[in-house]
Amino acid sequence: MTREPPLKFIEPRSFFAAVEAEMVPLSNEKFFNDPKHQHLRDRWCAGSFGVGYSLYIEQCSIAMQPLDRTDDVDFFLKVGKPEFPFQTVEVQKPGRRRGHEYRRPPTLTPYRPAAEGDDGPGWLRSGVKGKLDKHYATAKHLNLLVYANFNAEQLEWATVAEALAEFEGHFASLWVMAHHVLGSVFSTPELGAVGKCKAWCVTRDLSA
């Protein structure tokens, strides 16, 4: 019987730094629109999550699921000896095409920052519901990381947590991440939690 090669776990700051170094030569259009960079986007999410987890809960390491495996896992979080499988789901503003703003000149449509604050929790709920419907049989074993790929400055954490609380019991744990903030809607004693029903936790200082 062929033995699967061991996963390569890396400290999250080193992992994230390597990902960002790969992103440097890429334009936004290529990064967001070229399908060959999907794995790089997945790695960015995993690394960013690992950095936040290490800051607020416990030191950890990250390993990506090999591309030739076809199960529901995108990456693994290792804390001590236990390894926790995670799947990532990206949520965008409805009607927005990935990277569309990088393909066309800006339009005259006025920007409404309040839309994300008012409607964002519902967008996140729809994204999680879609993942549950797709993976219902195995969902209870999944730790789900939801990446809010829209302007999250107006999102109140308590509103997000309230909108997603109904999924407790359907997934092993549920986490929400925006560009530089992270929160856990619910989790397990083994994984721990950050900012539950209180506030976003800042994972990186963007002013540095």
N, C-alpha and C. Protein backbone atom coordinates (compact mmCIF):
# COMPACT_ATOMS: atom_id res chain seq x y z
N MET A 1 0.85 -1.19 0.00
CA MET A 1 0.00 0.00 0.00
C MET A 1 0.88 1.24 0.00
N THR A 2 0.54 2.22 -0.87
CA THR A 2 1.32 3.44 -0.98
C THR A 2 1.01 4.35 0.20
N ARG A 3 2.04 4.82 0.87
CA ARG A 3 1.88 5.72 2.01
C ARG A 3 1.89 7.17 1.53
N GLU A 4 0.92 7.94 2.01
CA GLU A 4 0.87 9.35 1.65
C GLU A 4 2.08 10.08 2.23
N PRO A 5 2.71 10.98 1.46
CA PRO A 5 3.84 11.74 2.02
C PRO A 5 3.36 12.62 3.16
N PRO A 6 4.19 12.84 4.17
CA PRO A 6 3.78 13.67 5.31
C PRO A 6 3.54 15.11 4.89
N LEU A 7 2.62 15.77 5.58
CA LEU A 7 2.36 17.18 5.31
C LEU A 7 3.53 18.02 5.81
N LYS A 8 3.80 19.11 5.12
CA LYS A 8 4.89 20.00 5.48
C LYS A 8 4.30 21.19 6.24
N PHE A 9 4.44 21.20 7.56
CA PHE A 9 3.91 22.27 8.38
C PHE A 9 4.96 23.38 8.55
N ILE A 10 4.48 24.63 8.44
CA ILE A 10 5.35 25.80 8.49
C ILE A 10 4.77 26.81 9.48
N GLU A 11 5.65 27.45 10.23
CA GLU A 11 5.23 28.52 11.14
C GLU A 11 4.50 29.58 10.33
N PRO A 12 3.36 30.10 10.82
CA PRO A 12 2.49 30.92 9.97
C PRO A 12 3.10 32.22 9.47
N ARG A 13 3.94 32.89 10.26
CA ARG A 13 4.53 34.14 9.76
C ARG A 13 5.47 33.87 8.59
N SER A 14 6.25 32.81 8.68
CA SER A 14 7.12 32.43 7.57
C SER A 14 6.29 32.00 6.36
N PHE A 15 5.23 31.24 6.62
CA PHE A 15 4.33 30.79 5.58
C PHE A 15 3.73 32.00 4.85
N PHE A 16 3.21 32.97 5.62
CA PHE A 16 2.54 34.13 5.05
C PHE A 16 3.53 35.01 4.29
N ALA A 17 4.73 35.17 4.83
CA ALA A 17 5.75 35.99 4.16
C ALA A 17 6.11 35.41 2.80
N ALA A 18 6.21 34.08 2.72
CA ALA A 18 6.54 33.42 1.45
C ALA A 18 5.42 33.64 0.43
N VAL A 19 4.17 33.58 0.90
CA VAL A 19 3.04 33.81 -0.01
C VAL A 19 3.06 35.24 -0.53
N GLU A 20 3.26 36.20 0.35
CA GLU A 20 3.26 37.60 -0.08
C GLU A 20 4.42 37.89 -1.03
N ALA A 21 5.55 37.20 -0.84
CA ALA A 21 6.67 37.38 -1.75
C ALA A 21 6.30 36.89 -3.16
N GLU A 22 5.54 35.81 -3.24
CA GLU A 22 5.08 35.31 -4.55
C GLU A 22 4.09 36.26 -5.20
N MET A 23 3.37 37.02 -4.38
CA MET A 23 2.35 37.93 -4.90
C MET A 23 2.95 39.22 -5.47
N VAL A 24 4.16 39.58 -5.05
CA VAL A 24 4.75 40.86 -5.41
C VAL A 24 4.77 41.11 -6.93
N PRO A 25 5.22 40.15 -7.75
CA PRO A 25 5.29 40.45 -9.19
C PRO A 25 3.95 40.38 -9.92
N LEU A 26 2.89 40.01 -9.23
CA LEU A 26 1.60 39.84 -9.89
C LEU A 26 0.77 41.12 -9.82
N SER A 27 0.17 41.46 -10.93
CA SER A 27 -0.78 42.56 -10.92
C SER A 27 -2.07 42.08 -10.25
N ASN A 28 -2.88 43.01 -9.78
CA ASN A 28 -4.16 42.63 -9.19
C ASN A 28 -5.01 41.85 -10.18
N GLU A 29 -4.98 42.26 -11.45
CA GLU A 29 -5.78 41.57 -12.46
C GLU A 29 -5.38 40.11 -12.58
N LYS A 30 -4.07 39.85 -12.64
CA LYS A 30 -3.61 38.47 -12.76
C LYS A 30 -3.92 37.67 -11.49
N PHE A 31 -3.69 38.30 -10.35
CA PHE A 31 -3.90 37.58 -9.09
C PHE A 31 -5.36 37.17 -8.93
N PHE A 32 -6.29 38.08 -9.27
CA PHE A 32 -7.70 37.80 -9.05
C PHE A 32 -8.35 37.03 -10.19
N ASN A 33 -7.86 37.17 -11.42
CA ASN A 33 -8.57 36.61 -12.56
C ASN A 33 -7.98 35.33 -13.13
N ASP A 34 -6.70 35.10 -12.92
CA ASP A 34 -6.05 33.93 -13.51
C ASP A 34 -6.31 32.71 -12.63
N PRO A 35 -7.00 31.69 -13.15
CA PRO A 35 -7.31 30.50 -12.35
C PRO A 35 -6.08 29.80 -11.78
N LYS A 36 -4.93 29.96 -12.43
CA LYS A 36 -3.74 29.26 -11.93
C LYS A 36 -3.26 29.82 -10.60
N HIS A 37 -3.80 30.99 -10.21
CA HIS A 37 -3.41 31.59 -8.93
C HIS A 37 -4.41 31.28 -7.82
N GLN A 38 -5.38 30.41 -8.08
CA GLN A 38 -6.36 30.05 -7.04
C GLN A 38 -5.65 29.46 -5.82
N HIS A 39 -4.68 28.59 -6.05
CA HIS A 39 -3.98 27.97 -4.92
C HIS A 39 -3.21 29.02 -4.13
N LEU A 40 -2.69 30.03 -4.81
CA LEU A 40 -1.98 31.11 -4.12
C LEU A 40 -2.96 31.90 -3.25
N ARG A 41 -4.17 32.14 -3.75
CA ARG A 41 -5.18 32.83 -2.95
C ARG A 41 -5.57 31.99 -1.73
N ASP A 42 -5.69 30.68 -1.93
CA ASP A 42 -5.99 29.80 -0.80
C ASP A 42 -4.88 29.83 0.25
N ARG A 43 -3.65 29.87 -0.22
CA ARG A 43 -2.52 29.92 0.71
C ARG A 43 -2.48 31.24 1.46
N TRP A 44 -2.86 32.33 0.79
CA TRP A 44 -2.92 33.63 1.47
C TRP A 44 -3.92 33.58 2.62
N CYS A 45 -5.09 33.00 2.38
CA CYS A 45 -6.10 32.88 3.43
C CYS A 45 -5.60 32.03 4.59
N ALA A 46 -4.98 30.90 4.27
CA ALA A 46 -4.48 30.00 5.31
C ALA A 46 -3.40 30.67 6.15
N GLY A 47 -2.47 31.36 5.48
CA GLY A 47 -1.39 32.02 6.20
C GLY A 47 -1.89 33.16 7.07
N SER A 48 -2.80 33.96 6.54
CA SER A 48 -3.36 35.07 7.32
C SER A 48 -4.10 34.55 8.55
N PHE A 49 -4.85 33.48 8.36
CA PHE A 49 -5.57 32.88 9.49
C PHE A 49 -4.58 32.36 10.54
N GLY A 50 -3.53 31.70 10.10
CA GLY A 50 -2.53 31.16 11.03
C GLY A 50 -1.85 32.25 11.84
N VAL A 51 -1.56 33.40 11.20
CA VAL A 51 -0.94 34.51 11.91
C VAL A 51 -1.88 35.01 13.01
N GLY A 52 -3.16 35.17 12.69
CA GLY A 52 -4.13 35.63 13.69
C GLY A 52 -4.32 34.62 14.81
N TYR A 53 -4.38 33.35 14.45
CA TYR A 53 -4.56 32.31 15.46
C TYR A 53 -3.39 32.31 16.44
N SER A 54 -2.17 32.44 15.93
CA SER A 54 -0.99 32.44 16.80
C SER A 54 -0.97 33.67 17.71
N LEU A 55 -1.48 34.79 17.21
CA LEU A 55 -1.50 36.01 18.02
C LEU A 55 -2.46 35.90 19.20
N TYR A 56 -3.63 35.32 18.96
CA TYR A 56 -4.70 35.41 19.95
C TYR A 56 -5.01 34.11 20.70
N ILE A 57 -4.54 32.98 20.18
CA ILE A 57 -4.90 31.72 20.84
C ILE A 57 -3.66 30.93 21.24
N GLU A 58 -2.94 30.41 20.26
CA GLU A 58 -1.80 29.55 20.58
C GLU A 58 -0.89 29.44 19.37
N GLN A 59 0.38 29.18 19.63
CA GLN A 59 1.31 28.98 18.53
C GLN A 59 0.87 27.78 17.69
N CYS A 60 1.00 27.92 16.39
CA CYS A 60 0.52 26.86 15.49
C CYS A 60 1.43 26.79 14.28
N SER A 61 1.13 25.87 13.40
CA SER A 61 1.79 25.80 12.09
C SER A 61 0.74 25.42 11.05
N ILE A 62 1.06 25.71 9.80
CA ILE A 62 0.11 25.56 8.70
C ILE A 62 0.68 24.63 7.63
N ALA A 63 -0.18 23.80 7.06
CA ALA A 63 0.19 22.97 5.91
C ALA A 63 -0.96 22.96 4.93
N MET A 64 -0.66 23.12 3.65
CA MET A 64 -1.70 23.05 2.64
C MET A 64 -1.99 21.59 2.27
N GLN A 65 -3.24 21.34 1.95
CA GLN A 65 -3.61 20.03 1.43
C GLN A 65 -2.98 19.86 0.04
N PRO A 66 -2.30 18.74 -0.24
CA PRO A 66 -1.73 18.53 -1.57
C PRO A 66 -2.80 18.65 -2.66
N LEU A 67 -2.42 19.24 -3.78
CA LEU A 67 -3.38 19.51 -4.85
C LEU A 67 -3.96 18.25 -5.46
N ASP A 68 -3.27 17.11 -5.32
CA ASP A 68 -3.77 15.89 -5.94
C ASP A 68 -4.79 15.16 -5.07
N ARG A 69 -5.08 15.71 -3.88
CA ARG A 69 -6.11 15.11 -3.03
C ARG A 69 -7.44 15.81 -3.30
N THR A 70 -8.51 15.03 -3.31
CA THR A 70 -9.80 15.55 -3.78
C THR A 70 -10.84 15.64 -2.67
N ASP A 71 -10.43 15.59 -1.40
CA ASP A 71 -11.43 15.68 -0.34
C ASP A 71 -11.77 17.15 -0.08
N ASP A 72 -12.48 17.43 1.01
CA ASP A 72 -13.00 18.77 1.27
C ASP A 72 -12.02 19.69 1.99
N VAL A 73 -10.82 19.22 2.27
CA VAL A 73 -9.87 19.99 3.08
C VAL A 73 -9.00 20.88 2.18
N ASP A 74 -8.84 22.16 2.59
CA ASP A 74 -7.94 23.08 1.90
C ASP A 74 -6.60 23.20 2.61
N PHE A 75 -6.63 23.24 3.94
CA PHE A 75 -5.38 23.33 4.69
C PHE A 75 -5.56 22.73 6.08
N PHE A 76 -4.44 22.52 6.76
CA PHE A 76 -4.44 21.97 8.11
C PHE A 76 -3.78 22.96 9.06
N LEU A 77 -4.36 23.09 10.23
CA LEU A 77 -3.78 23.87 11.32
C LEU A 77 -3.29 22.88 12.37
N LYS A 78 -2.02 22.97 12.72
CA LYS A 78 -1.45 22.07 13.71
C LYS A 78 -1.15 22.84 14.99
N VAL A 79 -1.70 22.34 16.11
CA VAL A 79 -1.48 22.95 17.42
C VAL A 79 -0.96 21.85 18.33
N GLY A 80 0.34 21.88 18.62
CA GLY A 80 0.95 20.76 19.33
C GLY A 80 0.96 19.55 18.39
N LYS A 81 0.34 18.47 18.83
CA LYS A 81 0.26 17.28 17.98
C LYS A 81 -1.01 17.23 17.13
N PRO A 82 -2.15 17.69 17.64
CA PRO A 82 -3.39 17.60 16.84
C PRO A 82 -3.31 18.43 15.55
N GLU A 83 -3.92 17.88 14.50
CA GLU A 83 -4.01 18.56 13.21
C GLU A 83 -5.49 18.76 12.87
N PHE A 84 -5.88 20.01 12.61
CA PHE A 84 -7.28 20.33 12.37
C PHE A 84 -7.49 20.69 10.90
N PRO A 85 -8.40 19.96 10.22
CA PRO A 85 -8.65 20.25 8.80
C PRO A 85 -9.58 21.45 8.63
N PHE A 86 -9.24 22.31 7.69
CA PHE A 86 -10.03 23.51 7.41
C PHE A 86 -10.41 23.56 5.93
N GLN A 87 -11.58 24.11 5.69
CA GLN A 87 -11.97 24.47 4.34
C GLN A 87 -12.26 25.96 4.31
N THR A 88 -11.90 26.61 3.21
CA THR A 88 -12.10 28.04 3.06
C THR A 88 -13.23 28.30 2.07
N VAL A 89 -14.07 29.27 2.40
CA VAL A 89 -15.09 29.72 1.45
C VAL A 89 -14.98 31.24 1.33
N GLU A 90 -14.91 31.71 0.12
CA GLU A 90 -14.82 33.14 -0.14
C GLU A 90 -16.21 33.71 -0.41
N VAL A 91 -16.52 34.82 0.20
CA VAL A 91 -17.81 35.48 -0.01
C VAL A 91 -17.56 36.86 -0.59
N GLN A 92 -18.20 37.13 -1.72
CA GLN A 92 -18.10 38.42 -2.37
C GLN A 92 -19.46 39.13 -2.35
N LYS A 93 -19.43 40.40 -2.66
CA LYS A 93 -20.67 41.16 -2.80
C LYS A 93 -21.48 40.58 -3.95
N PRO A 94 -22.77 40.28 -3.76
CA PRO A 94 -23.57 39.71 -4.84
C PRO A 94 -23.51 40.56 -6.10
N GLY A 95 -23.35 39.88 -7.23
CA GLY A 95 -23.28 40.57 -8.51
C GLY A 95 -21.89 41.01 -8.90
N ARG A 96 -20.96 40.92 -7.97
CA ARG A 96 -19.59 41.30 -8.28
C ARG A 96 -18.85 40.12 -8.88
N ARG A 97 -18.21 40.34 -10.00
CA ARG A 97 -17.39 39.30 -10.61
C ARG A 97 -15.96 39.46 -10.11
N ARG A 98 -15.34 38.30 -9.81
CA ARG A 98 -13.98 38.34 -9.26
C ARG A 98 -13.06 39.16 -10.15
N GLY A 99 -12.43 40.18 -9.54
CA GLY A 99 -11.46 40.98 -10.26
C GLY A 99 -12.03 41.85 -11.34
N HIS A 100 -13.37 41.98 -11.41
CA HIS A 100 -13.99 42.73 -12.50
C HIS A 100 -13.51 44.18 -12.51
N GLU A 101 -13.28 44.74 -11.31
CA GLU A 101 -12.87 46.13 -11.23
C GLU A 101 -11.47 46.35 -11.78
N TYR A 102 -10.70 45.25 -11.96
CA TYR A 102 -9.36 45.38 -12.50
C TYR A 102 -9.33 45.23 -14.02
N ARG A 103 -10.45 44.84 -14.61
CA ARG A 103 -10.52 44.65 -16.05
C ARG A 103 -11.10 45.86 -16.77
N ARG A 104 -11.91 46.63 -16.06
CA ARG A 104 -12.60 47.74 -16.70
C ARG A 104 -12.29 49.04 -15.96
N PRO A 105 -12.39 50.18 -16.68
CA PRO A 105 -12.19 51.47 -16.01
C PRO A 105 -13.24 51.68 -14.93
N PRO A 106 -12.95 52.51 -13.92
CA PRO A 106 -13.93 52.78 -12.88
C PRO A 106 -15.22 53.34 -13.46
N THR A 107 -16.34 52.98 -12.85
CA THR A 107 -17.63 53.50 -13.29
C THR A 107 -18.01 54.69 -12.41
N LEU A 108 -19.10 55.33 -12.75
CA LEU A 108 -19.58 56.46 -11.98
C LEU A 108 -20.57 56.04 -10.91
N THR A 109 -20.71 54.72 -10.68
CA THR A 109 -21.62 54.24 -9.64
C THR A 109 -21.11 54.69 -8.28
N PRO A 110 -21.91 55.40 -7.51
CA PRO A 110 -21.42 55.89 -6.21
C PRO A 110 -21.15 54.76 -5.25
N TYR A 111 -20.07 54.89 -4.49
CA TYR A 111 -19.72 53.88 -3.49
C TYR A 111 -20.54 54.11 -2.23
N ARG A 112 -21.16 53.06 -1.72
CA ARG A 112 -21.97 53.15 -0.51
C ARG A 112 -21.37 52.25 0.55
N PRO A 113 -20.46 52.76 1.40
CA PRO A 113 -19.83 51.90 2.41
C PRO A 113 -20.82 51.27 3.36
N ALA A 114 -21.99 51.92 3.57
CA ALA A 114 -22.97 51.37 4.50
C ALA A 114 -23.57 50.07 3.99
N ALA A 115 -23.51 49.84 2.67
CA ALA A 115 -24.10 48.62 2.11
C ALA A 115 -23.46 47.38 2.70
N GLU A 116 -22.12 47.39 2.81
CA GLU A 116 -21.44 46.24 3.37
C GLU A 116 -21.83 46.03 4.83
N GLY A 117 -21.96 47.12 5.59
CA GLY A 117 -22.33 46.99 6.99
C GLY A 117 -23.75 46.48 7.16
N ASP A 118 -24.66 46.95 6.32
CA ASP A 118 -26.06 46.54 6.43
C ASP A 118 -26.30 45.15 5.86
N ASP A 119 -25.70 44.88 4.71
CA ASP A 119 -26.01 43.65 3.98
C ASP A 119 -24.95 42.56 4.12
N GLY A 120 -23.76 42.95 4.56
CA GLY A 120 -22.66 41.99 4.64
C GLY A 120 -22.95 40.74 5.44
N PRO A 121 -23.56 40.84 6.63
CA PRO A 121 -23.87 39.62 7.39
C PRO A 121 -24.76 38.65 6.62
N GLY A 122 -25.70 39.19 5.83
CA GLY A 122 -26.55 38.33 5.01
C GLY A 122 -25.77 37.66 3.89
N TRP A 123 -24.82 38.39 3.30
CA TRP A 123 -23.98 37.78 2.27
C TRP A 123 -23.17 36.63 2.86
N LEU A 124 -22.63 36.85 4.06
CA LEU A 124 -21.85 35.80 4.71
C LEU A 124 -22.73 34.59 5.03
N ARG A 125 -23.92 34.84 5.51
CA ARG A 125 -24.85 33.75 5.82
C ARG A 125 -25.15 32.92 4.57
N SER A 126 -25.38 33.59 3.44
CA SER A 126 -25.66 32.87 2.19
C SER A 126 -24.48 32.02 1.77
N GLY A 127 -23.26 32.54 1.95
CA GLY A 127 -22.07 31.78 1.60
C GLY A 127 -21.91 30.53 2.45
N VAL A 128 -22.16 30.65 3.75
CA VAL A 128 -22.06 29.50 4.64
C VAL A 128 -23.18 28.50 4.34
N LYS A 129 -24.38 29.01 4.07
CA LYS A 129 -25.51 28.12 3.75
C LYS A 129 -25.22 27.31 2.49
N GLY A 130 -24.62 27.97 1.50
CA GLY A 130 -24.27 27.25 0.27
C GLY A 130 -23.25 26.16 0.52
N LYS A 131 -22.29 26.43 1.40
CA LYS A 131 -21.30 25.40 1.74
C LYS A 131 -21.94 24.26 2.50
N LEU A 132 -22.87 24.56 3.39
CA LEU A 132 -23.56 23.52 4.14
C LEU A 132 -24.38 22.64 3.21
N ASP A 133 -25.10 23.25 2.28
CA ASP A 133 -25.92 22.49 1.34
C ASP A 133 -25.08 21.58 0.46
N LYS A 134 -23.88 22.04 0.12
CA LYS A 134 -23.01 21.27 -0.77
C LYS A 134 -22.32 20.12 -0.05
N HIS A 135 -22.00 20.32 1.22
CA HIS A 135 -21.22 19.32 1.97
C HIS A 135 -21.97 18.86 3.21
N TYR A 136 -23.28 18.69 3.11
CA TYR A 136 -24.08 18.42 4.30
C TYR A 136 -23.60 17.17 5.03
N ALA A 137 -23.26 16.12 4.30
CA ALA A 137 -22.91 14.84 4.94
C ALA A 137 -21.63 14.94 5.75
N THR A 138 -20.69 15.79 5.34
CA THR A 138 -19.39 15.87 6.01
C THR A 138 -19.19 17.18 6.76
N ALA A 139 -20.20 18.06 6.75
CA ALA A 139 -20.03 19.40 7.31
C ALA A 139 -19.64 19.38 8.78
N LYS A 140 -20.17 18.45 9.56
CA LYS A 140 -19.89 18.42 10.99
C LYS A 140 -18.42 18.19 11.30
N HIS A 141 -17.69 17.69 10.32
CA HIS A 141 -16.26 17.43 10.53
C HIS A 141 -15.39 18.56 9.99
N LEU A 142 -16.02 19.58 9.38
CA LEU A 142 -15.26 20.66 8.77
C LEU A 142 -15.11 21.84 9.72
N ASN A 143 -13.91 22.39 9.76
CA ASN A 143 -13.69 23.70 10.36
C ASN A 143 -13.72 24.69 9.20
N LEU A 144 -14.69 25.58 9.21
CA LEU A 144 -14.93 26.45 8.06
C LEU A 144 -14.37 27.85 8.30
N LEU A 145 -13.53 28.30 7.38
CA LEU A 145 -12.99 29.66 7.40
C LEU A 145 -13.66 30.45 6.29
N VAL A 146 -14.41 31.48 6.65
CA VAL A 146 -15.11 32.31 5.68
C VAL A 146 -14.30 33.58 5.45
N TYR A 147 -13.91 33.81 4.20
CA TYR A 147 -13.16 35.02 3.86
C TYR A 147 -14.10 36.03 3.25
N ALA A 148 -14.31 37.16 3.93
CA ALA A 148 -15.16 38.23 3.43
C ALA A 148 -14.36 39.08 2.45
N ASN A 149 -14.51 38.81 1.17
CA ASN A 149 -13.75 39.53 0.15
C ASN A 149 -14.55 40.75 -0.32
N PHE A 150 -14.81 41.63 0.63
CA PHE A 150 -15.44 42.92 0.34
C PHE A 150 -15.05 43.87 1.46
N ASN A 151 -15.35 45.12 1.31
CA ASN A 151 -14.98 46.11 2.32
C ASN A 151 -15.72 45.81 3.62
N ALA A 152 -14.95 45.44 4.64
CA ALA A 152 -15.56 45.02 5.91
C ALA A 152 -15.47 46.07 7.00
N GLU A 153 -15.09 47.30 6.64
CA GLU A 153 -14.90 48.33 7.66
C GLU A 153 -16.18 48.64 8.41
N GLN A 154 -17.33 48.46 7.75
CA GLN A 154 -18.61 48.78 8.38
C GLN A 154 -19.25 47.58 9.07
N LEU A 155 -18.61 46.43 9.01
CA LEU A 155 -19.18 45.23 9.60
C LEU A 155 -18.98 45.20 11.12
N GLU A 156 -20.06 45.14 11.85
CA GLU A 156 -19.97 44.97 13.30
C GLU A 156 -19.88 43.49 13.63
N TRP A 157 -18.90 43.11 14.45
CA TRP A 157 -18.70 41.69 14.73
C TRP A 157 -19.92 41.04 15.37
N ALA A 158 -20.56 41.73 16.29
CA ALA A 158 -21.72 41.14 16.96
C ALA A 158 -22.82 40.81 15.97
N THR A 159 -23.00 41.65 14.94
CA THR A 159 -24.02 41.40 13.92
C THR A 159 -23.65 40.20 13.07
N VAL A 160 -22.37 40.09 12.74
CA VAL A 160 -21.89 38.93 11.97
C VAL A 160 -22.11 37.65 12.76
N ALA A 161 -21.71 37.65 14.03
CA ALA A 161 -21.85 36.46 14.87
C ALA A 161 -23.31 36.05 15.02
N GLU A 162 -24.18 37.04 15.15
CA GLU A 162 -25.61 36.74 15.28
C GLU A 162 -26.17 36.12 14.00
N ALA A 163 -25.73 36.63 12.85
CA ALA A 163 -26.22 36.13 11.57
C ALA A 163 -25.79 34.70 11.30
N LEU A 164 -24.65 34.29 11.88
CA LEU A 164 -24.09 32.97 11.58
C LEU A 164 -24.27 31.97 12.72
N ALA A 165 -24.87 32.40 13.81
CA ALA A 165 -24.99 31.52 14.99
C ALA A 165 -25.81 30.27 14.69
N GLU A 166 -26.73 30.36 13.74
CA GLU A 166 -27.61 29.22 13.44
C GLU A 166 -26.85 28.00 12.93
N PHE A 167 -25.61 28.19 12.48
CA PHE A 167 -24.85 27.07 11.91
C PHE A 167 -24.09 26.28 12.97
N GLU A 168 -24.16 26.71 14.23
CA GLU A 168 -23.51 25.94 15.29
C GLU A 168 -24.17 24.56 15.38
N GLY A 169 -23.34 23.54 15.41
CA GLY A 169 -23.84 22.17 15.39
C GLY A 169 -23.80 21.55 14.01
N HIS A 170 -23.69 22.41 12.98
CA HIS A 170 -23.60 21.91 11.60
C HIS A 170 -22.16 21.81 11.13
N PHE A 171 -21.27 22.66 11.69
CA PHE A 171 -19.85 22.61 11.39
C PHE A 171 -19.09 22.42 12.70
N ALA A 172 -17.87 21.90 12.60
CA ALA A 172 -17.06 21.74 13.81
C ALA A 172 -16.72 23.10 14.42
N SER A 173 -16.34 24.05 13.58
CA SER A 173 -16.10 25.42 14.02
C SER A 173 -16.31 26.34 12.83
N LEU A 174 -16.56 27.61 13.13
CA LEU A 174 -16.83 28.59 12.08
C LEU A 174 -16.10 29.88 12.41
N TRP A 175 -15.28 30.33 11.46
CA TRP A 175 -14.45 31.52 11.63
C TRP A 175 -14.70 32.46 10.46
N VAL A 176 -14.60 33.77 10.71
CA VAL A 176 -14.76 34.77 9.66
C VAL A 176 -13.52 35.65 9.65
N MET A 177 -13.00 35.87 8.45
CA MET A 177 -11.81 36.69 8.29
C MET A 177 -12.03 37.70 7.17
N ALA A 178 -11.65 38.96 7.41
CA ALA A 178 -11.57 39.95 6.35
C ALA A 178 -10.09 40.21 6.12
N HIS A 179 -9.74 41.31 5.49
CA HIS A 179 -8.35 41.48 5.06
C HIS A 179 -7.37 41.40 6.22
N HIS A 180 -7.66 42.04 7.35
CA HIS A 180 -6.71 42.05 8.46
C HIS A 180 -7.40 41.86 9.80
N VAL A 181 -8.60 41.30 9.79
CA VAL A 181 -9.31 41.03 11.04
C VAL A 181 -9.86 39.60 11.03
N LEU A 182 -10.08 39.07 12.24
CA LEU A 182 -10.49 37.69 12.40
C LEU A 182 -11.43 37.56 13.58
N GLY A 183 -12.40 36.65 13.49
CA GLY A 183 -13.27 36.35 14.61
C GLY A 183 -13.78 34.93 14.51
N SER A 184 -14.17 34.35 15.64
CA SER A 184 -14.72 33.00 15.66
C SER A 184 -16.17 33.06 16.11
N VAL A 185 -17.05 32.54 15.29
CA VAL A 185 -18.49 32.51 15.62
C VAL A 185 -18.73 31.44 16.67
N PHE A 186 -18.17 30.26 16.44
CA PHE A 186 -18.17 29.19 17.43
C PHE A 186 -16.98 28.29 17.14
N SER A 187 -16.55 27.55 18.14
CA SER A 187 -15.37 26.72 17.98
C SER A 187 -15.47 25.53 18.93
N THR A 188 -14.36 24.82 19.06
CA THR A 188 -14.29 23.67 19.95
C THR A 188 -13.29 23.97 21.07
N PRO A 189 -13.39 23.27 22.19
CA PRO A 189 -12.41 23.50 23.26
C PRO A 189 -10.98 23.26 22.81
N GLU A 190 -10.79 22.31 21.89
CA GLU A 190 -9.45 21.98 21.43
C GLU A 190 -8.86 23.12 20.58
N LEU A 191 -9.71 23.78 19.79
CA LEU A 191 -9.24 24.84 18.91
C LEU A 191 -9.17 26.19 19.62
N GLY A 192 -10.09 26.44 20.55
CA GLY A 192 -10.16 27.75 21.17
C GLY A 192 -10.93 28.72 20.30
N ALA A 193 -11.02 29.98 20.73
CA ALA A 193 -11.82 30.97 20.01
C ALA A 193 -11.24 32.36 20.23
N VAL A 194 -11.53 33.26 19.27
CA VAL A 194 -11.12 34.66 19.42
C VAL A 194 -12.32 35.56 19.17
N GLY A 195 -12.45 36.58 19.99
CA GLY A 195 -13.44 37.63 19.77
C GLY A 195 -14.87 37.17 19.70
N LYS A 196 -15.23 36.09 20.35
CA LYS A 196 -16.57 35.55 20.20
C LYS A 196 -17.63 36.54 20.67
N CYS A 197 -18.46 36.97 19.71
CA CYS A 197 -19.60 37.86 19.97
C CYS A 197 -19.17 39.18 20.61
N LYS A 198 -17.94 39.59 20.49
CA LYS A 198 -17.50 40.83 21.12
C LYS A 198 -16.93 41.81 20.09
N ALA A 199 -15.81 41.45 19.47
CA ALA A 199 -15.19 42.37 18.53
C ALA A 199 -14.26 41.61 17.60
N TRP A 200 -13.97 42.23 16.46
CA TRP A 200 -12.96 41.68 15.56
C TRP A 200 -11.60 41.73 16.25
N CYS A 201 -10.75 40.78 15.94
CA CYS A 201 -9.37 40.80 16.40
C CYS A 201 -8.47 41.18 15.22
N VAL A 202 -7.66 42.20 15.39
CA VAL A 202 -6.79 42.68 14.32
C VAL A 202 -5.58 41.78 14.21
N THR A 203 -5.34 41.25 13.00
CA THR A 203 -4.26 40.29 12.82
C THR A 203 -2.98 40.93 12.30
N ARG A 204 -3.11 42.10 11.66
CA ARG A 204 -1.92 42.78 11.13
C ARG A 204 -2.10 44.29 11.23
N ASP A 205 -1.00 44.99 11.50
CA ASP A 205 -1.01 46.45 11.57
C ASP A 205 -0.74 46.98 10.15
N LEU A 206 -1.79 47.49 9.50
CA LEU A 206 -1.63 47.95 8.13
C LEU A 206 -0.93 49.30 8.04
N SER A 207 -0.72 49.97 9.16
CA SER A 207 -0.05 51.27 9.14
C SER A 207 1.46 51.12 9.22
N ALA A 208 1.91 49.88 9.51
CA ALA A 208 3.36 49.69 9.66
C ALA A 208 4.07 49.76 8.31
